[in-house]
């Protein structure tokens, strides 16, 4: 819920499926914090993710986004937060932290990177979600 106040919305699961979008304006106008309907809507989107490992990583990403939003009350993101993009980038960052010389062949290592990420602890996962979030939000900033 905290995240919804800081961005245009969330996309959980297939980013091309419009029904996977939680629009902040709509959610905040129709629901209240802690409302069961909001939790059920998020849970429904998470349950559509077939892979249990990937679903769990998405849950951990949402928890970390909530922590980021709580710790940064003035944070505003003009666009949707796409969990697929955030998590995918976290996997890449984690892999390249352990294999720093392999960025040029990451596409070849992607399957191994995902397997490796799935075996990380929730704390490590959260760390890489934060690193990915920082990178992606800095990347989106207009250059000065």
C-alpha atoms as a PDB file:
ATOM      1  CA  UNK A   1       0.000   0.000   0.000  1.00  0.00           C
ATOM      2  CA  UNK A   2       2.809   2.390   0.917  1.00  0.00           C
ATOM      3  CA  UNK A   3       4.320   1.988  -2.544  1.00  0.00           C
ATOM      4  CA  UNK A   4       1.143   3.121  -4.292  1.00  0.00           C
ATOM      5  CA  UNK A   5       1.546   6.651  -2.909  1.00  0.00           C
ATOM      6  CA  UNK A   6       4.980   6.966  -4.511  1.00  0.00           C
ATOM      7  CA  UNK A   7       4.448   5.870  -8.108  1.00  0.00           C
ATOM      8  CA  UNK A   8       1.966   5.732 -10.965  1.00  0.00           C
ATOM      9  CA  UNK A   9       1.292   2.121 -10.079  1.00  0.00           C
ATOM     10  CA  UNK A  10       2.646  -1.406  -9.948  1.00  0.00           C
ATOM     11  CA  UNK A  11       2.793  -4.087 -12.575  1.00  0.00           C
ATOM     12  CA  UNK A  12       2.970  -7.573 -11.094  1.00  0.00           C
ATOM     13  CA  UNK A  13       3.575 -10.431 -13.495  1.00  0.00           C
ATOM     14  CA  UNK A  14       3.365 -10.172 -17.273  1.00  0.00           C
ATOM     15  CA  UNK A  15       3.947  -6.506 -18.026  1.00  0.00           C
ATOM     16  CA  UNK A  16       2.056  -6.729 -21.312  1.00  0.00           C
ATOM     17  CA  UNK A  17      -1.147  -7.877 -19.620  1.00  0.00           C
ATOM     18  CA  UNK A  18      -3.154  -4.768 -18.692  1.00  0.00           C
ATOM     19  CA  UNK A  19      -4.976  -6.637 -15.926  1.00  0.00           C
ATOM     20  CA  UNK A  20      -1.655  -6.975 -14.091  1.00  0.00           C
ATOM     21  CA  UNK A  21      -1.493  -3.218 -13.522  1.00  0.00           C
ATOM     22  CA  UNK A  22      -2.411  -1.687 -10.226  1.00  0.00           C
ATOM     23  CA  UNK A  23      -3.042   1.972 -10.988  1.00  0.00           C
ATOM     24  CA  UNK A  24      -2.194   4.122  -7.973  1.00  0.00           C
ATOM     25  CA  UNK A  25      -4.783   6.789  -8.692  1.00  0.00           C
ATOM     26  CA  UNK A  26      -7.580   4.230  -8.913  1.00  0.00           C
ATOM     27  CA  UNK A  27      -6.398   2.162  -5.945  1.00  0.00           C
ATOM     28  CA  UNK A  28      -5.905   5.172  -3.673  1.00  0.00           C
ATOM     29  CA  UNK A  29      -9.298   6.641  -4.570  1.00  0.00           C
ATOM     30  CA  UNK A  30     -11.239   3.381  -4.222  1.00  0.00           C
ATOM     31  CA  UNK A  31      -9.549   1.716  -1.266  1.00  0.00           C
ATOM     32  CA  UNK A  32      -8.051   2.471   2.113  1.00  0.00           C
ATOM     33  CA  UNK A  33      -4.793   1.294   3.654  1.00  0.00           C
ATOM     34  CA  UNK A  34      -5.161  -2.165   5.090  1.00  0.00           C
ATOM     35  CA  UNK A  35      -8.312  -2.883   3.114  1.00  0.00           C
ATOM     36  CA  UNK A  36      -8.737  -6.558   2.399  1.00  0.00           C
ATOM     37  CA  UNK A  37      -9.713  -5.932  -1.243  1.00  0.00           C
ATOM     38  CA  UNK A  38      -6.306  -4.405  -1.927  1.00  0.00           C
ATOM     39  CA  UNK A  39      -4.503  -7.350  -0.341  1.00  0.00           C
ATOM     40  CA  UNK A  40      -6.678  -9.773  -2.296  1.00  0.00           C
ATOM     41  CA  UNK A  41      -5.951  -7.976  -5.544  1.00  0.00           C
ATOM     42  CA  UNK A  42      -2.197  -8.140  -4.974  1.00  0.00           C
ATOM     43  CA  UNK A  43      -2.457 -11.763  -3.876  1.00  0.00           C
ATOM     44  CA  UNK A  44      -4.456 -12.602  -7.013  1.00  0.00           C
ATOM     45  CA  UNK A  45      -1.738 -11.120  -9.234  1.00  0.00           C
ATOM     46  CA  UNK A  46       0.990 -12.926  -7.324  1.00  0.00           C
ATOM     47  CA  UNK A  47      -0.894 -16.220  -7.559  1.00  0.00           C
ATOM     48  CA  UNK A  48      -0.981 -15.882 -11.350  1.00  0.00           C
ATOM     49  CA  UNK A  49       2.818 -16.256 -11.346  1.00  0.00           C
ATOM     50  CA  UNK A  50       3.369 -19.940 -12.060  1.00  0.00           C
ATOM     51  CA  UNK A  51       6.883 -20.371 -10.690  1.00  0.00           C
ATOM     52  CA  UNK A  52       6.848 -20.514  -6.874  1.00  0.00           C
ATOM     53  CA  UNK A  53      10.443 -19.275  -6.728  1.00  0.00           C
ATOM     54  CA  UNK A  54       9.686 -16.293  -8.928  1.00  0.00           C
ATOM     55  CA  UNK A  55       6.498 -15.569  -6.978  1.00  0.00           C
ATOM     56  CA  UNK A  56       8.517 -15.532  -3.740  1.00  0.00           C
ATOM     57  CA  UNK A  57      11.084 -13.159  -5.232  1.00  0.00           C
ATOM     58  CA  UNK A  58       8.230 -10.850  -6.266  1.00  0.00           C
ATOM     59  CA  UNK A  59       6.865 -10.925  -2.719  1.00  0.00           C
ATOM     60  CA  UNK A  60      10.298 -10.053  -1.367  1.00  0.00           C
ATOM     61  CA  UNK A  61      10.585  -7.244  -3.927  1.00  0.00           C
ATOM     62  CA  UNK A  62       7.223  -5.827  -2.840  1.00  0.00           C
ATOM     63  CA  UNK A  63       8.275  -5.952   0.802  1.00  0.00           C
ATOM     64  CA  UNK A  64      11.507  -4.152  -0.004  1.00  0.00           C
ATOM     65  CA  UNK A  65       9.676  -1.539  -2.082  1.00  0.00           C
ATOM     66  CA  UNK A  66       7.386  -0.926   0.890  1.00  0.00           C
ATOM     67  CA  UNK A  67      10.430  -0.455   3.129  1.00  0.00           C
ATOM     68  CA  UNK A  68      11.967   1.959   0.606  1.00  0.00           C
ATOM     69  CA  UNK A  69       8.714   3.932   0.393  1.00  0.00           C
ATOM     70  CA  UNK A  70       8.415   4.110   4.174  1.00  0.00           C
ATOM     71  CA  UNK A  71      12.019   5.249   4.589  1.00  0.00           C
ATOM     72  CA  UNK A  72      11.729   7.835   1.796  1.00  0.00           C
ATOM     73  CA  UNK A  73       8.413   9.665   2.227  1.00  0.00           C
ATOM     74  CA  UNK A  74       9.261  12.241  -0.461  1.00  0.00           C
ATOM     75  CA  UNK A  75      10.170   9.658  -3.095  1.00  0.00           C
ATOM     76  CA  UNK A  76       8.101  10.018  -6.263  1.00  0.00           C
ATOM     77  CA  UNK A  77       8.367   7.871  -9.365  1.00  0.00           C
ATOM     78  CA  UNK A  78       6.485   9.204 -12.364  1.00  0.00           C
ATOM     79  CA  UNK A  79       5.925   5.803 -13.966  1.00  0.00           C
ATOM     80  CA  UNK A  80       4.749   2.327 -13.095  1.00  0.00           C
ATOM     81  CA  UNK A  81       7.118   0.111 -11.152  1.00  0.00           C
ATOM     82  CA  UNK A  82       7.377  -3.063 -13.208  1.00  0.00           C
ATOM     83  CA  UNK A  83       8.362  -5.893 -10.891  1.00  0.00           C
ATOM     84  CA  UNK A  84       9.606  -8.038 -13.798  1.00  0.00           C
ATOM     85  CA  UNK A  85      12.082  -5.311 -14.722  1.00  0.00           C
ATOM     86  CA  UNK A  86      13.131  -4.631 -11.136  1.00  0.00           C
ATOM     87  CA  UNK A  87      13.639  -8.297 -10.296  1.00  0.00           C
ATOM     88  CA  UNK A  88      15.363  -9.020 -13.600  1.00  0.00           C
ATOM     89  CA  UNK A  89      17.803  -6.226 -12.959  1.00  0.00           C
ATOM     90  CA  UNK A  90      18.387  -7.426  -9.389  1.00  0.00           C
ATOM     91  CA  UNK A  91      19.288 -10.861 -10.768  1.00  0.00           C
ATOM     92  CA  UNK A  92      21.763  -9.283 -13.172  1.00  0.00           C
ATOM     93  CA  UNK A  93      23.334  -7.117 -10.449  1.00  0.00           C
ATOM     94  CA  UNK A  94      23.666 -10.117  -8.133  1.00  0.00           C
ATOM     95  CA  UNK A  95      25.278 -12.223 -10.856  1.00  0.00           C
ATOM     96  CA  UNK A  96      27.722  -9.513 -11.861  1.00  0.00           C
ATOM     97  CA  UNK A  97      28.679  -8.908  -8.225  1.00  0.00           C
ATOM     98  CA  UNK A  98      29.826 -12.520  -8.018  1.00  0.00           C
ATOM     99  CA  UNK A  99      31.101 -12.715 -11.625  1.00  0.00           C
ATOM    100  CA  UNK A 100      32.373  -9.182 -12.303  1.00  0.00           C
ATOM    101  CA  UNK A 101      34.073  -9.977 -15.593  1.00  0.00           C
ATOM    102  CA  UNK A 102      31.076 -11.590 -17.228  1.00  0.00           C
ATOM    103  CA  UNK A 103      28.882  -8.628 -18.154  1.00  0.00           C
ATOM    104  CA  UNK A 104      29.626  -9.094 -21.853  1.00  0.00           C
ATOM    105  CA  UNK A 105      28.266 -12.650 -21.770  1.00  0.00           C
ATOM    106  CA  UNK A 106      25.421 -12.193 -19.296  1.00  0.00           C
ATOM    107  CA  UNK A 107      22.857 -13.371 -21.847  1.00  0.00           C
ATOM    108  CA  UNK A 108      24.649 -16.721 -21.984  1.00  0.00           C
ATOM    109  CA  UNK A 109      24.749 -16.909 -18.177  1.00  0.00           C
ATOM    110  CA  UNK A 110      21.189 -15.720 -17.582  1.00  0.00           C
ATOM    111  CA  UNK A 111      19.730 -19.129 -16.668  1.00  0.00           C
ATOM    112  CA  UNK A 112      22.543 -19.743 -14.186  1.00  0.00           C
ATOM    113  CA  UNK A 113      22.091 -16.225 -12.811  1.00  0.00           C
ATOM    114  CA  UNK A 114      18.412 -16.874 -12.109  1.00  0.00           C
ATOM    115  CA  UNK A 115      19.135 -20.236 -10.459  1.00  0.00           C
ATOM    116  CA  UNK A 116      21.753 -18.552  -8.323  1.00  0.00           C
ATOM    117  CA  UNK A 117      19.401 -15.718  -7.367  1.00  0.00           C
ATOM    118  CA  UNK A 118      16.663 -18.126  -6.330  1.00  0.00           C
ATOM    119  CA  UNK A 119      19.081 -19.641  -3.826  1.00  0.00           C
ATOM    120  CA  UNK A 120      19.952 -16.328  -2.165  1.00  0.00           C
ATOM    121  CA  UNK A 121      18.668 -15.504   1.282  1.00  0.00           C
ATOM    122  CA  UNK A 122      15.807 -13.025   1.684  1.00  0.00           C
ATOM    123  CA  UNK A 123      18.342 -10.520   3.030  1.00  0.00           C
ATOM    124  CA  UNK A 124      20.559 -10.880  -0.036  1.00  0.00           C
ATOM    125  CA  UNK A 125      17.520 -10.678  -2.296  1.00  0.00           C
ATOM    126  CA  UNK A 126      16.450  -7.445  -0.585  1.00  0.00           C
ATOM    127  CA  UNK A 127      19.949  -6.010  -0.969  1.00  0.00           C
ATOM    128  CA  UNK A 128      19.923  -6.644  -4.706  1.00  0.00           C
ATOM    129  CA  UNK A 129      16.382  -5.324  -5.084  1.00  0.00           C
ATOM    130  CA  UNK A 130      17.577  -2.076  -3.470  1.00  0.00           C
ATOM    131  CA  UNK A 131      20.644  -1.928  -5.725  1.00  0.00           C
ATOM    132  CA  UNK A 132      18.485  -2.520  -8.787  1.00  0.00           C
ATOM    133  CA  UNK A 133      15.958   0.079  -7.639  1.00  0.00           C
ATOM    134  CA  UNK A 134      18.710   2.649  -7.094  1.00  0.00           C
ATOM    135  CA  UNK A 135      20.203   1.954 -10.494  1.00  0.00           C
ATOM    136  CA  UNK A 136      16.883   2.079 -12.317  1.00  0.00           C
ATOM    137  CA  UNK A 137      15.697   5.242 -10.596  1.00  0.00           C
ATOM    138  CA  UNK A 138      19.034   6.992 -11.167  1.00  0.00           C
ATOM    139  CA  UNK A 139      18.999   5.833 -14.778  1.00  0.00           C
ATOM    140  CA  UNK A 140      15.571   7.397 -15.212  1.00  0.00           C
ATOM    141  CA  UNK A 141      16.685  10.779 -13.864  1.00  0.00           C
ATOM    142  CA  UNK A 142      17.166  13.444 -16.531  1.00  0.00           C
ATOM    143  CA  UNK A 143      20.826  14.255 -17.033  1.00  0.00           C
ATOM    144  CA  UNK A 144      21.941  17.664 -15.906  1.00  0.00           C
END
